[in-house]
Amino acid sequence: MARLGANAGWSENYAQDLTEASTLASGDSGKIFYLNSATEFTTTLPACSGNAGFSVTFIVKAAPSGANYVISSASSSDYILGSVVDGAGTVDTSDGTDTNVNFINGQAVVGDWVKLTCDGSSWYIVGGLGKVAAGITIN
């Protein structure tokens, strides 16, 4: 598993392909990550505590074809709150105890995306769009 953002902070717009399981760090805030692999994986967000203002965007670059891409919180108490919408207008909304955003195998397509931001105690989905029904789920 790769560890990203080891150096705290950066000062330019930055985009990076993710091709394997990774754990993000505080220095990754503001980055855009392209999910780009033939074998899907989990990316773990940093702990909410101490990371108020952290935000990150994930975009599908290679559609999942064998498993889901999963964006997971670092702790079972770092909830992911909010909603995502698909091209049909269907909304998947967090129930308040969710810790994963999933780009679904065989459903998510290139260009699907979600943006997450942290207030220091929870993650919030502040944007997200899947092109097909159930392409992005929250659980």
N, C-alpha and C. Protein backbone atom coordinates (compact mmCIF):
# COMPACT_ATOMS: atom_id res chain seq x y z
N MET A 1 0.84 -1.17 0.00
CA MET A 1 0.00 0.00 0.00
C MET A 1 0.88 1.23 0.00
N ALA A 2 0.60 2.14 -0.91
CA ALA A 2 1.37 3.37 -1.00
C ALA A 2 0.90 4.36 0.06
N ARG A 3 1.84 5.12 0.58
CA ARG A 3 1.50 6.22 1.49
C ARG A 3 1.78 7.50 0.73
N LEU A 4 0.77 8.33 0.61
CA LEU A 4 0.90 9.55 -0.17
C LEU A 4 1.01 10.75 0.74
N GLY A 5 1.40 11.88 0.19
CA GLY A 5 1.38 13.15 0.90
C GLY A 5 2.26 13.19 2.14
N ALA A 6 3.40 12.50 2.13
CA ALA A 6 4.25 12.45 3.32
C ALA A 6 4.76 13.83 3.71
N ASN A 7 4.98 14.69 2.73
CA ASN A 7 5.42 16.05 3.04
C ASN A 7 4.19 16.92 3.21
N ALA A 8 4.09 17.59 4.34
CA ALA A 8 2.91 18.40 4.64
C ALA A 8 2.84 19.58 3.69
N GLY A 9 1.70 19.75 3.04
CA GLY A 9 1.41 20.92 2.23
C GLY A 9 2.06 20.93 0.87
N TRP A 10 1.45 21.66 -0.04
CA TRP A 10 1.98 21.91 -1.37
C TRP A 10 1.28 23.14 -1.87
N SER A 11 1.83 23.80 -2.88
CA SER A 11 1.32 25.12 -3.23
C SER A 11 0.83 25.23 -4.66
N GLU A 12 0.50 24.12 -5.32
CA GLU A 12 0.01 24.22 -6.69
C GLU A 12 -1.09 23.20 -6.93
N ASN A 13 -1.90 23.46 -7.96
CA ASN A 13 -2.92 22.50 -8.33
C ASN A 13 -2.22 21.21 -8.73
N TYR A 14 -2.67 20.09 -8.20
CA TYR A 14 -1.95 18.85 -8.41
C TYR A 14 -2.92 17.71 -8.69
N ALA A 15 -2.65 16.99 -9.76
CA ALA A 15 -3.44 15.82 -10.11
C ALA A 15 -2.51 14.61 -10.16
N GLN A 16 -3.04 13.46 -9.76
CA GLN A 16 -2.20 12.27 -9.66
C GLN A 16 -3.04 11.03 -9.96
N ASP A 17 -2.49 10.10 -10.74
CA ASP A 17 -3.14 8.81 -10.94
C ASP A 17 -2.94 7.96 -9.70
N LEU A 18 -4.00 7.27 -9.27
CA LEU A 18 -3.89 6.23 -8.25
C LEU A 18 -4.05 4.90 -8.95
N THR A 19 -3.10 4.00 -8.71
CA THR A 19 -3.11 2.71 -9.39
C THR A 19 -3.05 1.53 -8.43
N GLU A 20 -3.02 1.83 -7.13
CA GLU A 20 -2.96 0.77 -6.12
C GLU A 20 -3.54 1.29 -4.81
N ALA A 21 -3.77 0.37 -3.88
CA ALA A 21 -4.27 0.75 -2.56
C ALA A 21 -3.36 1.81 -1.96
N SER A 22 -3.96 2.84 -1.38
CA SER A 22 -3.20 3.97 -0.87
C SER A 22 -3.84 4.51 0.40
N THR A 23 -3.02 5.15 1.21
CA THR A 23 -3.50 5.90 2.38
C THR A 23 -3.09 7.34 2.18
N LEU A 24 -4.06 8.24 2.17
CA LEU A 24 -3.77 9.65 2.00
C LEU A 24 -3.30 10.26 3.31
N ALA A 25 -2.57 11.35 3.20
CA ALA A 25 -2.05 12.07 4.36
C ALA A 25 -2.46 13.54 4.26
N SER A 26 -2.24 14.28 5.31
CA SER A 26 -2.64 15.69 5.37
C SER A 26 -2.14 16.49 4.18
N GLY A 27 -0.96 16.20 3.70
CA GLY A 27 -0.37 16.92 2.57
C GLY A 27 -1.06 16.69 1.25
N ASP A 28 -2.02 15.76 1.20
CA ASP A 28 -2.75 15.48 -0.04
C ASP A 28 -3.98 16.36 -0.22
N SER A 29 -4.27 17.21 0.74
CA SER A 29 -5.45 18.07 0.64
C SER A 29 -5.40 18.92 -0.63
N GLY A 30 -6.54 19.01 -1.31
CA GLY A 30 -6.66 19.80 -2.52
C GLY A 30 -6.34 19.06 -3.79
N LYS A 31 -5.82 17.87 -3.69
CA LYS A 31 -5.44 17.11 -4.88
C LYS A 31 -6.64 16.49 -5.58
N ILE A 32 -6.44 16.23 -6.85
CA ILE A 32 -7.37 15.46 -7.66
C ILE A 32 -6.70 14.12 -7.94
N PHE A 33 -7.40 13.04 -7.60
CA PHE A 33 -6.87 11.70 -7.83
C PHE A 33 -7.69 11.01 -8.91
N TYR A 34 -7.00 10.49 -9.92
CA TYR A 34 -7.63 9.73 -10.98
C TYR A 34 -7.49 8.24 -10.64
N LEU A 35 -8.62 7.55 -10.52
CA LEU A 35 -8.62 6.12 -10.23
C LEU A 35 -8.36 5.40 -11.54
N ASN A 36 -7.18 4.75 -11.63
CA ASN A 36 -6.71 4.28 -12.92
C ASN A 36 -5.98 2.96 -12.78
N SER A 37 -6.73 1.87 -12.77
CA SER A 37 -6.11 0.56 -12.60
C SER A 37 -6.98 -0.52 -13.21
N ALA A 38 -6.34 -1.58 -13.68
CA ALA A 38 -7.06 -2.75 -14.16
C ALA A 38 -7.53 -3.61 -12.99
N THR A 39 -6.93 -3.42 -11.83
CA THR A 39 -7.34 -4.14 -10.62
C THR A 39 -7.71 -3.09 -9.58
N GLU A 40 -8.97 -3.00 -9.25
CA GLU A 40 -9.47 -1.96 -8.38
C GLU A 40 -8.93 -2.11 -6.96
N PHE A 41 -9.12 -1.09 -6.13
CA PHE A 41 -8.45 -1.02 -4.84
C PHE A 41 -9.18 -0.07 -3.90
N THR A 42 -8.70 0.00 -2.66
CA THR A 42 -9.24 0.91 -1.65
C THR A 42 -8.25 2.04 -1.40
N THR A 43 -8.77 3.25 -1.31
CA THR A 43 -7.99 4.41 -0.90
C THR A 43 -8.54 4.86 0.45
N THR A 44 -7.66 4.99 1.44
CA THR A 44 -8.06 5.36 2.79
C THR A 44 -7.79 6.85 3.01
N LEU A 45 -8.82 7.55 3.46
CA LEU A 45 -8.69 8.97 3.78
C LEU A 45 -7.92 9.13 5.09
N PRO A 46 -7.31 10.29 5.33
CA PRO A 46 -6.67 10.51 6.63
C PRO A 46 -7.73 10.63 7.73
N ALA A 47 -7.32 10.47 8.97
CA ALA A 47 -8.24 10.64 10.09
C ALA A 47 -8.82 12.05 10.06
N CYS A 48 -10.08 12.18 10.44
CA CYS A 48 -10.72 13.50 10.48
C CYS A 48 -10.06 14.42 11.50
N SER A 49 -9.76 13.89 12.67
CA SER A 49 -9.17 14.69 13.73
C SER A 49 -7.90 15.37 13.23
N GLY A 50 -7.83 16.67 13.35
CA GLY A 50 -6.66 17.42 12.93
C GLY A 50 -6.65 17.77 11.45
N ASN A 51 -7.69 17.40 10.70
CA ASN A 51 -7.70 17.64 9.26
C ASN A 51 -8.90 18.47 8.79
N ALA A 52 -9.39 19.37 9.64
CA ALA A 52 -10.47 20.27 9.23
C ALA A 52 -10.00 21.05 8.00
N GLY A 53 -10.84 21.12 6.99
CA GLY A 53 -10.51 21.83 5.76
C GLY A 53 -9.90 20.96 4.68
N PHE A 54 -9.52 19.73 5.02
CA PHE A 54 -8.97 18.81 4.03
C PHE A 54 -10.04 18.54 2.98
N SER A 55 -9.67 18.60 1.71
CA SER A 55 -10.60 18.23 0.65
C SER A 55 -9.83 17.51 -0.45
N VAL A 56 -10.54 16.63 -1.14
CA VAL A 56 -9.94 15.82 -2.18
C VAL A 56 -11.01 15.42 -3.18
N THR A 57 -10.62 15.27 -4.44
CA THR A 57 -11.53 14.86 -5.50
C THR A 57 -11.03 13.55 -6.11
N PHE A 58 -11.95 12.63 -6.37
CA PHE A 58 -11.64 11.36 -7.03
C PHE A 58 -12.42 11.29 -8.33
N ILE A 59 -11.72 10.94 -9.42
CA ILE A 59 -12.34 10.81 -10.74
C ILE A 59 -11.97 9.45 -11.32
N VAL A 60 -12.95 8.74 -11.85
CA VAL A 60 -12.69 7.44 -12.49
C VAL A 60 -12.03 7.69 -13.84
N LYS A 61 -10.81 7.17 -14.00
CA LYS A 61 -10.07 7.26 -15.26
C LYS A 61 -10.14 5.94 -16.01
N ALA A 62 -10.15 4.83 -15.26
CA ALA A 62 -10.33 3.48 -15.84
C ALA A 62 -11.53 2.87 -15.13
N ALA A 63 -12.59 2.59 -15.88
CA ALA A 63 -13.81 2.06 -15.27
C ALA A 63 -13.53 0.76 -14.53
N PRO A 64 -14.11 0.59 -13.34
CA PRO A 64 -13.88 -0.65 -12.60
C PRO A 64 -14.51 -1.84 -13.33
N SER A 65 -13.72 -2.92 -13.46
CA SER A 65 -14.20 -4.06 -14.24
C SER A 65 -14.00 -5.40 -13.54
N GLY A 66 -13.52 -5.40 -12.31
CA GLY A 66 -13.33 -6.65 -11.60
C GLY A 66 -13.75 -6.56 -10.15
N ALA A 67 -13.77 -5.34 -9.65
CA ALA A 67 -14.15 -5.06 -8.25
C ALA A 67 -14.48 -3.58 -8.18
N ASN A 68 -14.83 -3.09 -7.00
CA ASN A 68 -15.14 -1.68 -6.80
C ASN A 68 -13.88 -0.89 -6.46
N TYR A 69 -13.84 0.37 -6.86
CA TYR A 69 -12.94 1.32 -6.24
C TYR A 69 -13.64 1.75 -4.96
N VAL A 70 -12.94 1.77 -3.84
CA VAL A 70 -13.54 2.14 -2.56
C VAL A 70 -12.73 3.28 -1.96
N ILE A 71 -13.43 4.33 -1.54
CA ILE A 71 -12.82 5.42 -0.77
C ILE A 71 -13.32 5.21 0.65
N SER A 72 -12.41 5.00 1.59
CA SER A 72 -12.78 4.61 2.95
C SER A 72 -12.24 5.59 3.98
N SER A 73 -13.03 5.87 4.99
CA SER A 73 -12.54 6.72 6.08
C SER A 73 -11.57 5.91 6.94
N ALA A 74 -10.69 6.61 7.63
CA ALA A 74 -9.65 5.96 8.43
C ALA A 74 -10.19 5.28 9.67
N SER A 75 -11.35 5.72 10.14
CA SER A 75 -11.92 5.22 11.38
C SER A 75 -13.41 4.97 11.19
N SER A 76 -13.93 4.00 11.91
CA SER A 76 -15.37 3.71 11.83
C SER A 76 -16.22 4.84 12.42
N SER A 77 -15.59 5.80 13.08
CA SER A 77 -16.34 6.95 13.61
C SER A 77 -16.15 8.21 12.76
N ASP A 78 -15.34 8.12 11.70
CA ASP A 78 -15.18 9.23 10.75
C ASP A 78 -16.21 9.04 9.63
N TYR A 79 -17.45 9.49 9.89
CA TYR A 79 -18.55 9.22 8.97
C TYR A 79 -18.45 10.05 7.70
N ILE A 80 -18.96 9.47 6.62
CA ILE A 80 -19.09 10.16 5.35
C ILE A 80 -20.56 10.54 5.20
N LEU A 81 -20.83 11.84 5.12
CA LEU A 81 -22.19 12.36 5.09
C LEU A 81 -22.45 13.05 3.76
N GLY A 82 -23.68 12.99 3.30
CA GLY A 82 -24.05 13.68 2.06
C GLY A 82 -24.69 12.75 1.07
N SER A 83 -24.69 13.17 -0.20
CA SER A 83 -25.38 12.43 -1.25
C SER A 83 -24.59 12.47 -2.55
N VAL A 84 -24.82 11.48 -3.40
CA VAL A 84 -24.34 11.50 -4.78
C VAL A 84 -25.54 11.29 -5.69
N VAL A 85 -25.44 11.80 -6.90
CA VAL A 85 -26.53 11.73 -7.87
C VAL A 85 -26.01 11.02 -9.11
N ASP A 86 -26.89 10.23 -9.74
CA ASP A 86 -26.49 9.61 -11.00
C ASP A 86 -27.21 10.29 -12.16
N GLY A 87 -26.84 9.91 -13.36
CA GLY A 87 -27.38 10.54 -14.56
C GLY A 87 -28.89 10.42 -14.70
N ALA A 88 -29.50 9.45 -14.01
CA ALA A 88 -30.95 9.28 -14.05
C ALA A 88 -31.64 10.12 -12.99
N GLY A 89 -30.87 10.86 -12.19
CA GLY A 89 -31.45 11.69 -11.14
C GLY A 89 -31.67 10.95 -9.84
N THR A 90 -31.20 9.71 -9.75
CA THR A 90 -31.32 8.93 -8.52
C THR A 90 -30.28 9.40 -7.53
N VAL A 91 -30.68 9.56 -6.28
CA VAL A 91 -29.78 10.06 -5.24
C VAL A 91 -29.50 8.94 -4.25
N ASP A 92 -28.22 8.72 -3.91
CA ASP A 92 -27.85 7.81 -2.83
C ASP A 92 -27.36 8.69 -1.69
N THR A 93 -28.04 8.63 -0.56
CA THR A 93 -27.75 9.51 0.57
C THR A 93 -27.21 8.70 1.74
N SER A 94 -26.21 9.24 2.41
CA SER A 94 -25.66 8.61 3.60
C SER A 94 -26.72 8.49 4.68
N ASP A 95 -26.66 7.39 5.44
CA ASP A 95 -27.59 7.24 6.57
C ASP A 95 -27.01 7.81 7.86
N GLY A 96 -25.85 8.45 7.79
CA GLY A 96 -25.23 9.05 8.97
C GLY A 96 -24.22 8.17 9.67
N THR A 97 -24.10 6.91 9.23
CA THR A 97 -23.12 6.00 9.82
C THR A 97 -22.21 5.38 8.76
N ASP A 98 -22.21 5.93 7.56
CA ASP A 98 -21.45 5.36 6.45
C ASP A 98 -19.99 5.77 6.50
N THR A 99 -19.12 4.87 6.04
CA THR A 99 -17.69 5.14 6.05
C THR A 99 -17.02 4.85 4.70
N ASN A 100 -17.81 4.55 3.66
CA ASN A 100 -17.24 4.23 2.35
C ASN A 100 -18.03 4.90 1.23
N VAL A 101 -17.29 5.33 0.20
CA VAL A 101 -17.87 5.70 -1.08
C VAL A 101 -17.34 4.67 -2.07
N ASN A 102 -18.25 4.10 -2.86
CA ASN A 102 -17.88 3.02 -3.78
C ASN A 102 -18.17 3.40 -5.22
N PHE A 103 -17.19 3.22 -6.09
CA PHE A 103 -17.40 3.30 -7.53
C PHE A 103 -17.59 1.85 -7.97
N ILE A 104 -18.81 1.51 -8.37
CA ILE A 104 -19.26 0.13 -8.48
C ILE A 104 -18.78 -0.54 -9.77
N ASN A 105 -18.23 -1.75 -9.59
CA ASN A 105 -17.80 -2.61 -10.68
C ASN A 105 -18.93 -2.81 -11.68
N GLY A 106 -18.64 -2.58 -12.95
CA GLY A 106 -19.63 -2.79 -14.01
C GLY A 106 -20.69 -1.70 -14.11
N GLN A 107 -20.67 -0.70 -13.21
CA GLN A 107 -21.65 0.39 -13.22
C GLN A 107 -20.97 1.75 -13.38
N ALA A 108 -19.92 2.00 -12.59
CA ALA A 108 -19.20 3.28 -12.69
C ALA A 108 -18.48 3.34 -14.03
N VAL A 109 -18.43 4.53 -14.59
CA VAL A 109 -17.79 4.71 -15.89
C VAL A 109 -16.78 5.85 -15.81
N VAL A 110 -15.95 5.93 -16.83
CA VAL A 110 -14.94 6.98 -16.92
C VAL A 110 -15.64 8.34 -16.77
N GLY A 111 -15.10 9.17 -15.90
CA GLY A 111 -15.64 10.50 -15.66
C GLY A 111 -16.50 10.62 -14.42
N ASP A 112 -16.97 9.50 -13.86
CA ASP A 112 -17.69 9.57 -12.59
C ASP A 112 -16.76 10.18 -11.55
N TRP A 113 -17.31 10.96 -10.62
CA TRP A 113 -16.45 11.66 -9.66
C TRP A 113 -17.18 11.94 -8.35
N VAL A 114 -16.36 12.20 -7.33
CA VAL A 114 -16.87 12.63 -6.03
C VAL A 114 -15.81 13.51 -5.37
N LYS A 115 -16.28 14.57 -4.69
CA LYS A 115 -15.39 15.43 -3.92
C LYS A 115 -15.78 15.32 -2.46
N LEU A 116 -14.78 15.16 -1.59
CA LEU A 116 -14.99 15.04 -0.15
C LEU A 116 -14.24 16.13 0.58
N THR A 117 -14.83 16.64 1.66
CA THR A 117 -14.16 17.62 2.51
C THR A 117 -14.41 17.25 3.97
N CYS A 118 -13.52 17.66 4.84
CA CYS A 118 -13.58 17.28 6.25
C CYS A 118 -13.72 18.52 7.13
N ASP A 119 -14.55 18.41 8.18
CA ASP A 119 -14.69 19.51 9.13
C ASP A 119 -13.94 19.24 10.44
N GLY A 120 -13.16 18.19 10.48
CA GLY A 120 -12.41 17.82 11.68
C GLY A 120 -13.05 16.70 12.46
N SER A 121 -14.31 16.36 12.12
CA SER A 121 -14.97 15.23 12.80
C SER A 121 -15.73 14.32 11.85
N SER A 122 -16.08 14.79 10.67
CA SER A 122 -16.78 13.98 9.67
C SER A 122 -16.33 14.39 8.27
N TRP A 123 -16.57 13.50 7.31
CA TRP A 123 -16.36 13.77 5.89
C TRP A 123 -17.69 14.17 5.28
N TYR A 124 -17.66 15.12 4.35
CA TYR A 124 -18.86 15.56 3.65
C TYR A 124 -18.66 15.43 2.15
N ILE A 125 -19.64 14.87 1.48
CA ILE A 125 -19.64 14.83 0.03
C ILE A 125 -20.16 16.18 -0.43
N VAL A 126 -19.32 16.94 -1.13
CA VAL A 126 -19.71 18.26 -1.57
C VAL A 126 -19.93 18.31 -3.08
N GLY A 127 -19.84 17.19 -3.71
CA GLY A 127 -20.12 17.07 -5.13
C GLY A 127 -19.88 15.64 -5.55
N GLY A 128 -20.61 15.21 -6.52
CA GLY A 128 -20.42 13.86 -7.03
C GLY A 128 -21.46 13.56 -8.09
N LEU A 129 -21.04 12.88 -9.13
CA LEU A 129 -21.96 12.53 -10.19
C LEU A 129 -21.53 11.23 -10.85
N GLY A 130 -22.45 10.31 -10.91
CA GLY A 130 -22.26 9.08 -11.66
C GLY A 130 -23.12 9.14 -12.91
N LYS A 131 -22.63 8.59 -14.00
CA LYS A 131 -23.37 8.67 -15.26
C LYS A 131 -24.50 7.67 -15.35
N VAL A 132 -24.39 6.54 -14.65
CA VAL A 132 -25.43 5.51 -14.72
C VAL A 132 -25.96 5.21 -13.33
N ALA A 133 -27.16 4.64 -13.28
CA ALA A 133 -27.79 4.30 -12.00
C ALA A 133 -26.88 3.39 -11.19
N ALA A 134 -26.73 3.70 -9.92
CA ALA A 134 -25.96 2.91 -8.95
C ALA A 134 -24.48 2.82 -9.30
N GLY A 135 -23.95 3.79 -10.05
CA GLY A 135 -22.53 3.79 -10.35
C GLY A 135 -21.66 4.18 -9.16
N ILE A 136 -22.24 5.03 -8.27
CA ILE A 136 -21.55 5.43 -7.05
C ILE A 136 -22.52 5.18 -5.90
N THR A 137 -22.04 4.50 -4.87
CA THR A 137 -22.87 4.26 -3.68
C THR A 137 -22.13 4.69 -2.44
N ILE A 138 -22.89 4.86 -1.36
CA ILE A 138 -22.34 5.22 -0.06
C ILE A 138 -22.80 4.14 0.93
N ASN A 139 -21.86 3.58 1.68
CA ASN A 139 -22.27 2.62 2.73
C ASN A 139 -21.33 2.68 3.90
